[in-house]
């Protein structure tokens, strides 16, 4: 069995004033009820993806702010590829509107986020990251 799911958190504003959204392809975060027969491993992969990208984006926003960069928006889409017996591979696509940040500074902050993000450490998975500044 192999499948890929998408998770898209959008973080807007400062840490305590955010107006953020989190969406998944299966919309499982909007539905309080599910069962094993209808969802199998898909729910767990979506939850892992939602938790990971949501946490990663929030942590990145926090680190950016500590360095004096206030992101107008950060959008991260995760592709969670599950292969039975192989685990989950995470592909993160990050789009950010961050004034006056250099690619060098952004890459340093992203690497720190990858190292420290609790969910990244929990999943113990390699993260492939693609960054696009707008």
Protein backbone atom coordinates (compact mmCIF):
# COMPACT_ATOMS: atom_id res chain seq x y z
CA UNK A 1 0.00 0.00 0.00
CA UNK A 2 1.24 3.49 -0.88
CA UNK A 3 -0.51 6.84 -0.84
CA UNK A 4 0.24 10.55 -0.52
CA UNK A 5 -1.78 13.11 1.45
CA UNK A 6 -1.56 16.91 1.47
CA UNK A 7 -1.69 19.27 4.41
CA UNK A 8 -1.73 23.06 4.00
CA UNK A 9 -1.29 25.36 7.01
CA UNK A 10 -1.34 29.09 6.37
CA UNK A 11 0.08 31.25 9.16
CA UNK A 12 -0.69 34.98 9.05
CA UNK A 13 0.42 37.65 11.47
CA UNK A 14 2.35 37.75 14.70
CA UNK A 15 2.51 34.80 17.07
CA UNK A 16 -0.29 35.88 19.42
CA UNK A 17 -2.47 37.62 16.82
CA UNK A 18 -2.48 34.98 14.13
CA UNK A 19 -5.37 34.20 11.82
CA UNK A 20 -4.26 30.77 10.69
CA UNK A 21 -5.91 27.94 8.83
CA UNK A 22 -5.12 24.27 8.47
CA UNK A 23 -6.55 22.09 5.73
CA UNK A 24 -6.05 18.48 4.70
CA UNK A 25 -7.05 16.65 1.56
CA UNK A 26 -9.29 14.31 3.53
CA UNK A 27 -10.78 17.14 5.66
CA UNK A 28 -10.31 14.90 8.71
CA UNK A 29 -9.61 17.82 11.01
CA UNK A 30 -13.08 19.18 10.34
CA UNK A 31 -14.80 15.90 11.11
CA UNK A 32 -15.03 14.74 14.72
CA UNK A 33 -16.05 11.19 13.82
CA UNK A 34 -14.25 8.52 11.86
CA UNK A 35 -13.67 4.81 12.11
CA UNK A 36 -10.99 2.34 11.14
CA UNK A 37 -13.07 0.70 8.42
CA UNK A 38 -13.41 3.92 6.42
CA UNK A 39 -10.04 5.55 7.11
CA UNK A 40 -7.42 2.86 7.85
CA UNK A 41 -3.96 4.50 8.06
CA UNK A 42 -5.05 7.59 6.15
CA UNK A 43 -6.20 9.37 9.32
CA UNK A 44 -2.89 8.82 11.08
CA UNK A 45 -0.90 10.05 8.08
CA UNK A 46 -3.13 13.13 7.76
CA UNK A 47 -2.87 13.85 11.48
CA UNK A 48 0.90 13.44 11.39
CA UNK A 49 1.09 15.73 8.38
CA UNK A 50 -1.21 18.33 9.89
CA UNK A 51 0.63 18.28 13.20
CA UNK A 52 4.03 18.39 11.56
CA UNK A 53 3.41 21.18 9.06
CA UNK A 54 1.36 23.22 11.52
CA UNK A 55 4.05 22.94 14.18
CA UNK A 56 6.89 23.51 11.73
CA UNK A 57 5.26 26.64 10.31
CA UNK A 58 4.51 28.01 13.78
CA UNK A 59 8.08 27.30 14.97
CA UNK A 60 9.53 28.91 11.84
CA UNK A 61 7.37 32.00 12.36
CA UNK A 62 8.59 32.25 15.95
CA UNK A 63 12.28 31.94 14.97
CA UNK A 64 11.85 34.51 12.20
CA UNK A 65 10.31 36.97 14.67
CA UNK A 66 13.14 36.42 17.16
CA UNK A 67 15.54 37.54 14.42
CA UNK A 68 13.42 40.62 13.66
CA UNK A 69 11.59 39.31 10.58
CA UNK A 70 7.80 39.59 10.68
CA UNK A 71 6.34 37.30 8.02
CA UNK A 72 3.27 38.74 6.30
CA UNK A 73 2.41 35.11 5.58
CA UNK A 74 3.92 31.65 5.58
CA UNK A 75 2.27 28.80 3.74
CA UNK A 76 3.62 25.29 4.01
CA UNK A 77 2.22 22.36 2.12
CA UNK A 78 3.35 18.91 3.14
CA UNK A 79 3.22 15.83 1.01
CA UNK A 80 3.24 12.83 3.31
CA UNK A 81 4.24 9.71 1.41
CA UNK A 82 3.56 6.50 3.31
CA UNK A 83 5.07 3.16 2.30
CA UNK A 84 4.19 0.19 4.44
CA UNK A 85 7.29 -1.01 6.24
CA UNK A 86 9.26 2.08 5.16
CA UNK A 87 7.55 4.83 7.16
CA UNK A 88 6.68 8.35 6.13
CA UNK A 89 8.65 10.62 3.83
CA UNK A 90 7.90 14.33 4.22
CA UNK A 91 8.15 16.83 1.37
CA UNK A 92 7.56 20.39 2.59
CA UNK A 93 6.82 23.21 0.16
CA UNK A 94 7.17 26.58 1.91
CA UNK A 95 5.99 29.87 0.43
CA UNK A 96 6.74 32.96 2.47
CA UNK A 97 6.13 36.67 2.27
CA UNK A 98 8.91 37.89 4.54
CA UNK A 99 10.20 41.44 4.09
CA UNK A 100 13.93 42.11 3.81
CA UNK A 101 15.17 38.57 4.47
CA UNK A 102 18.10 37.16 2.55
CA UNK A 103 18.13 33.61 1.27
CA UNK A 104 21.13 32.91 3.51
CA UNK A 105 19.32 34.11 6.66
CA UNK A 106 16.14 32.24 5.74
CA UNK A 107 18.03 29.00 5.11
CA UNK A 108 19.79 29.28 8.49
CA UNK A 109 16.48 29.84 10.29
CA UNK A 110 14.80 26.99 8.37
CA UNK A 111 17.65 24.60 9.26
CA UNK A 112 17.35 25.56 12.94
CA UNK A 113 13.59 24.95 12.71
CA UNK A 114 14.16 21.51 11.18
CA UNK A 115 16.59 20.62 13.98
CA UNK A 116 14.43 21.87 16.86
CA UNK A 117 10.83 21.28 15.70
CA UNK A 118 9.40 18.79 18.24
CA UNK A 119 7.22 17.00 15.71
CA UNK A 120 10.11 16.62 13.26
CA UNK A 121 12.07 14.99 16.07
CA UNK A 122 9.12 12.84 17.05
CA UNK A 123 8.64 11.56 13.49
CA UNK A 124 12.41 11.03 13.10
CA UNK A 125 12.05 11.47 9.38
CA UNK A 126 14.06 13.24 6.76
CA UNK A 127 12.41 16.40 5.52
CA UNK A 128 12.89 17.57 1.97
CA UNK A 129 12.14 21.28 1.79
CA UNK A 130 11.48 23.58 -1.14
CA UNK A 131 11.35 27.34 -0.38
CA UNK A 132 9.73 30.06 -2.47
CA UNK A 133 9.83 33.72 -1.37
CA UNK A 134 7.12 35.98 -2.75
